[in-house]
């Protein structure tokens, strides 16, 4: 299991990756909606840090 934060625009979105499944969660619905709108169709992600 991998846990961390995604820095996106002016905020951070917590995430958990387990068994190749990524869950995103935050109280800032607008930030999450914008992130998903921009990156939802990606097939591969690179996690750094």
PDB file of N, CA and C in Angstrom:
ATOM      1  N   UNK A   1       0.850  -1.165   0.000  1.00  0.00           N
ATOM      2  CA  UNK A   1       0.000   0.000   0.000  1.00  0.00           C
ATOM      3  C   UNK A   1       0.901   1.234   0.000  1.00  0.00           C
ATOM      4  N   UNK A   2       0.518   2.203  -0.799  1.00  0.00           N
ATOM      5  CA  UNK A   2       1.260   3.454  -0.920  1.00  0.00           C
ATOM      6  C   UNK A   2       0.304   4.596  -0.628  1.00  0.00           C
ATOM      7  N   UNK A   3       0.709   5.494   0.259  1.00  0.00           N
ATOM      8  CA  UNK A   3      -0.122   6.650   0.614  1.00  0.00           C
ATOM      9  C   UNK A   3       0.666   7.917   0.350  1.00  0.00           C
ATOM     10  N   UNK A   4      -0.036   8.988  -0.013  1.00  0.00           N
ATOM     11  CA  UNK A   4       0.644  10.251  -0.241  1.00  0.00           C
ATOM     12  C   UNK A   4      -0.328  11.350  -0.606  1.00  0.00           C
ATOM     13  N   UNK A   5       0.231  12.417  -1.174  1.00  0.00           N
ATOM     14  CA  UNK A   5      -0.552  13.572  -1.589  1.00  0.00           C
ATOM     15  C   UNK A   5      -0.190  13.933  -3.018  1.00  0.00           C
ATOM     16  N   UNK A   6      -1.169  14.388  -3.783  1.00  0.00           N
ATOM     17  CA  UNK A   6      -0.951  14.913  -5.117  1.00  0.00           C
ATOM     18  C   UNK A   6      -1.079  16.425  -5.026  1.00  0.00           C
ATOM     19  N   UNK A   7      -0.004  17.129  -5.355  1.00  0.00           N
ATOM     20  CA  UNK A   7      -0.061  18.596  -5.399  1.00  0.00           C
ATOM     21  C   UNK A   7      -0.696  18.981  -6.726  1.00  0.00           C
ATOM     22  N   UNK A   8      -1.818  19.667  -6.649  1.00  0.00           N
ATOM     23  CA  UNK A   8      -2.555  20.054  -7.846  1.00  0.00           C
ATOM     24  C   UNK A   8      -3.076  21.463  -7.659  1.00  0.00           C
ATOM     25  N   UNK A   9      -2.651  22.328  -8.551  1.00  0.00           N
ATOM     26  CA  UNK A   9      -3.019  23.747  -8.505  1.00  0.00           C
ATOM     27  C   UNK A   9      -2.683  24.322  -7.136  1.00  0.00           C
ATOM     28  N   UNK A  10      -3.647  24.781  -6.389  1.00  0.00           N
ATOM     29  CA  UNK A  10      -3.387  25.424  -5.094  1.00  0.00           C
ATOM     30  C   UNK A  10      -3.652  24.502  -3.907  1.00  0.00           C
ATOM     31  N   UNK A  11      -3.791  23.196  -4.150  1.00  0.00           N
ATOM     32  CA  UNK A  11      -4.115  22.313  -3.043  1.00  0.00           C
ATOM     33  C   UNK A  11      -3.412  20.976  -3.129  1.00  0.00           C
ATOM     34  N   UNK A  12      -3.725  20.118  -2.177  1.00  0.00           N
ATOM     35  CA  UNK A  12      -3.185  18.768  -2.146  1.00  0.00           C
ATOM     36  C   UNK A  12      -4.338  17.785  -2.020  1.00  0.00           C
ATOM     37  N   UNK A  13      -4.249  16.682  -2.764  1.00  0.00           N
ATOM     38  CA  UNK A  13      -5.279  15.652  -2.751  1.00  0.00           C
ATOM     39  C   UNK A  13      -4.652  14.384  -2.181  1.00  0.00           C
ATOM     40  N   UNK A  14      -5.139  13.896  -1.040  1.00  0.00           N
ATOM     41  CA  UNK A  14      -4.613  12.651  -0.486  1.00  0.00           C
ATOM     42  C   UNK A  14      -5.002  11.467  -1.371  1.00  0.00           C
ATOM     43  N   UNK A  15      -4.116  10.452  -1.431  1.00  0.00           N
ATOM     44  CA  UNK A  15      -4.416   9.256  -2.207  1.00  0.00           C
ATOM     45  C   UNK A  15      -3.876   8.020  -1.501  1.00  0.00           C
ATOM     46  N   UNK A  16      -4.455   6.875  -1.872  1.00  0.00           N
ATOM     47  CA  UNK A  16      -3.998   5.559  -1.433  1.00  0.00           C
ATOM     48  C   UNK A  16      -3.967   4.665  -2.659  1.00  0.00           C
ATOM     49  N   UNK A  17      -2.853   3.964  -2.874  1.00  0.00           N
ATOM     50  CA  UNK A  17      -2.742   3.000  -3.966  1.00  0.00           C
ATOM     51  C   UNK A  17      -2.579   1.625  -3.337  1.00  0.00           C
ATOM     52  N   UNK A  18      -3.481   0.711  -3.699  1.00  0.00           N
ATOM     53  CA  UNK A  18      -3.424  -0.657  -3.181  1.00  0.00           C
ATOM     54  C   UNK A  18      -3.878  -1.592  -4.294  1.00  0.00           C
ATOM     55  N   UNK A  19      -3.061  -2.584  -4.599  1.00  0.00           N
ATOM     56  CA  UNK A  19      -3.376  -3.556  -5.652  1.00  0.00           C
ATOM     57  C   UNK A  19      -3.691  -2.865  -6.984  1.00  0.00           C
ATOM     58  N   UNK A  20      -2.872  -1.892  -7.348  1.00  0.00           N
ATOM     59  CA  UNK A  20      -3.005  -1.156  -8.613  1.00  0.00           C
ATOM     60  C   UNK A  20      -4.314  -0.372  -8.711  1.00  0.00           C
ATOM     61  N   UNK A  21      -4.914  -0.052  -7.590  1.00  0.00           N
ATOM     62  CA  UNK A  21      -6.151   0.734  -7.544  1.00  0.00           C
ATOM     63  C   UNK A  21      -5.870   1.998  -6.737  1.00  0.00           C
ATOM     64  N   UNK A  22      -6.101   3.179  -7.336  1.00  0.00           N
ATOM     65  CA  UNK A  22      -5.838   4.437  -6.647  1.00  0.00           C
ATOM     66  C   UNK A  22      -7.153   5.057  -6.197  1.00  0.00           C
ATOM     67  N   UNK A  23      -7.207   5.417  -4.916  1.00  0.00           N
ATOM     68  CA  UNK A  23      -8.357   6.110  -4.365  1.00  0.00           C
ATOM     69  C   UNK A  23      -7.947   7.528  -4.019  1.00  0.00           C
ATOM     70  N   UNK A  24      -8.747   8.481  -4.446  1.00  0.00           N
ATOM     71  CA  UNK A  24      -8.536   9.889  -4.137  1.00  0.00           C
ATOM     72  C   UNK A  24      -9.636  10.343  -3.194  1.00  0.00           C
ATOM     73  N   UNK A  25      -9.276  11.182  -2.225  1.00  0.00           N
ATOM     74  CA  UNK A  25     -10.297  11.691  -1.316  1.00  0.00           C
ATOM     75  C   UNK A  25      -9.863  13.041  -0.784  1.00  0.00           C
ATOM     76  N   UNK A  26     -10.829  13.945  -0.656  1.00  0.00           N
ATOM     77  CA  UNK A  26     -10.580  15.275  -0.120  1.00  0.00           C
ATOM     78  C   UNK A  26     -11.920  15.940   0.204  1.00  0.00           C
ATOM     79  N   UNK A  27     -11.876  16.944   1.058  1.00  0.00           N
ATOM     80  CA  UNK A  27     -13.079  17.721   1.371  1.00  0.00           C
ATOM     81  C   UNK A  27     -13.316  18.814   0.338  1.00  0.00           C
ATOM     82  N   UNK A  28     -12.311  19.095  -0.489  1.00  0.00           N
ATOM     83  CA  UNK A  28     -12.409  20.146  -1.510  1.00  0.00           C
ATOM     84  C   UNK A  28     -12.934  19.531  -2.810  1.00  0.00           C
ATOM     85  N   UNK A  29     -14.238  19.503  -2.960  1.00  0.00           N
ATOM     86  CA  UNK A  29     -14.865  18.865  -4.121  1.00  0.00           C
ATOM     87  C   UNK A  29     -14.465  19.516  -5.440  1.00  0.00           C
ATOM     88  N   UNK A  30     -14.318  20.835  -5.466  1.00  0.00           N
ATOM     89  CA  UNK A  30     -13.942  21.521  -6.705  1.00  0.00           C
ATOM     90  C   UNK A  30     -12.544  21.127  -7.150  1.00  0.00           C
ATOM     91  N   UNK A  31     -11.609  21.016  -6.210  1.00  0.00           N
ATOM     92  CA  UNK A  31     -10.246  20.611  -6.541  1.00  0.00           C
ATOM     93  C   UNK A  31     -10.236  19.196  -7.108  1.00  0.00           C
ATOM     94  N   UNK A  32     -10.970  18.292  -6.499  1.00  0.00           N
ATOM     95  CA  UNK A  32     -11.038  16.907  -6.964  1.00  0.00           C
ATOM     96  C   UNK A  32     -11.721  16.808  -8.328  1.00  0.00           C
ATOM     97  N   UNK A  33     -12.794  17.542  -8.521  1.00  0.00           N
ATOM     98  CA  UNK A  33     -13.487  17.536  -9.817  1.00  0.00           C
ATOM     99  C   UNK A  33     -12.582  18.030 -10.930  1.00  0.00           C
ATOM    100  N   UNK A  34     -11.837  19.099 -10.677  1.00  0.00           N
ATOM    101  CA  UNK A  34     -10.919  19.630 -11.690  1.00  0.00           C
ATOM    102  C   UNK A  34      -9.786  18.653 -11.991  1.00  0.00           C
ATOM    103  N   UNK A  35      -9.257  17.997 -10.975  1.00  0.00           N
ATOM    104  CA  UNK A  35      -8.191  17.019 -11.184  1.00  0.00           C
ATOM    105  C   UNK A  35      -8.696  15.852 -12.029  1.00  0.00           C
ATOM    106  N   UNK A  36      -9.856  15.323 -11.689  1.00  0.00           N
ATOM    107  CA  UNK A  36     -10.422  14.187 -12.425  1.00  0.00           C
ATOM    108  C   UNK A  36     -10.751  14.588 -13.854  1.00  0.00           C
ATOM    109  N   UNK A  37     -11.273  15.791 -14.038  1.00  0.00           N
ATOM    110  CA  UNK A  37     -11.603  16.267 -15.382  1.00  0.00           C
ATOM    111  C   UNK A  37     -10.351  16.331 -16.265  1.00  0.00           C
ATOM    112  N   UNK A  38      -9.229  16.727 -15.665  1.00  0.00           N
ATOM    113  CA  UNK A  38      -7.995  16.889 -16.426  1.00  0.00           C
ATOM    114  C   UNK A  38      -7.242  15.577 -16.648  1.00  0.00           C
ATOM    115  N   UNK A  39      -7.285  14.654 -15.672  1.00  0.00           N
ATOM    116  CA  UNK A  39      -6.451  13.457 -15.739  1.00  0.00           C
ATOM    117  C   UNK A  39      -7.208  12.134 -15.786  1.00  0.00           C
ATOM    118  N   UNK A  40      -8.513  12.138 -15.858  1.00  0.00           N
ATOM    119  CA  UNK A  40      -9.304  10.914 -15.791  1.00  0.00           C
ATOM    120  C   UNK A  40      -9.025   9.949 -16.939  1.00  0.00           C
ATOM    121  N   UNK A  41      -8.681  10.420 -18.114  1.00  0.00           N
ATOM    122  CA  UNK A  41      -8.503   9.549 -19.274  1.00  0.00           C
ATOM    123  C   UNK A  41      -7.078   9.023 -19.420  1.00  0.00           C
ATOM    124  N   UNK A  42      -6.192   9.307 -18.467  1.00  0.00           N
ATOM    125  CA  UNK A  42      -4.821   8.817 -18.507  1.00  0.00           C
ATOM    126  C   UNK A  42      -4.783   7.318 -18.211  1.00  0.00           C
ATOM    127  N   UNK A  43      -3.897   6.598 -18.900  1.00  0.00           N
ATOM    128  CA  UNK A  43      -3.720   5.166 -18.650  1.00  0.00           C
ATOM    129  C   UNK A  43      -2.599   4.888 -17.667  1.00  0.00           C
ATOM    130  N   UNK A  44      -1.586   5.743 -17.651  1.00  0.00           N
ATOM    131  CA  UNK A  44      -0.411   5.531 -16.802  1.00  0.00           C
ATOM    132  C   UNK A  44      -0.114   6.786 -16.010  1.00  0.00           C
ATOM    133  N   UNK A  45       0.276   6.597 -14.776  1.00  0.00           N
ATOM    134  CA  UNK A  45       0.664   7.704 -13.913  1.00  0.00           C
ATOM    135  C   UNK A  45       2.058   7.427 -13.368  1.00  0.00           C
ATOM    136  N   UNK A  46       2.826   8.470 -13.166  1.00  0.00           N
ATOM    137  CA  UNK A  46       4.146   8.343 -12.569  1.00  0.00           C
ATOM    138  C   UNK A  46       4.100   9.071 -11.229  1.00  0.00           C
ATOM    139  N   UNK A  47       4.362   8.339 -10.161  1.00  0.00           N
ATOM    140  CA  UNK A  47       4.377   8.931  -8.823  1.00  0.00           C
ATOM    141  C   UNK A  47       5.832   9.204  -8.453  1.00  0.00           C
ATOM    142  N   UNK A  48       6.110  10.434  -8.082  1.00  0.00           N
ATOM    143  CA  UNK A  48       7.471  10.825  -7.705  1.00  0.00           C
ATOM    144  C   UNK A  48       7.470  11.361  -6.287  1.00  0.00           C
ATOM    145  N   UNK A  49       8.622  11.275  -5.656  1.00  0.00           N
ATOM    146  CA  UNK A  49       8.759  11.920  -4.355  1.00  0.00           C
ATOM    147  C   UNK A  49       8.984  11.001  -3.229  1.00  0.00           C
TER     148      UNK A  49
END
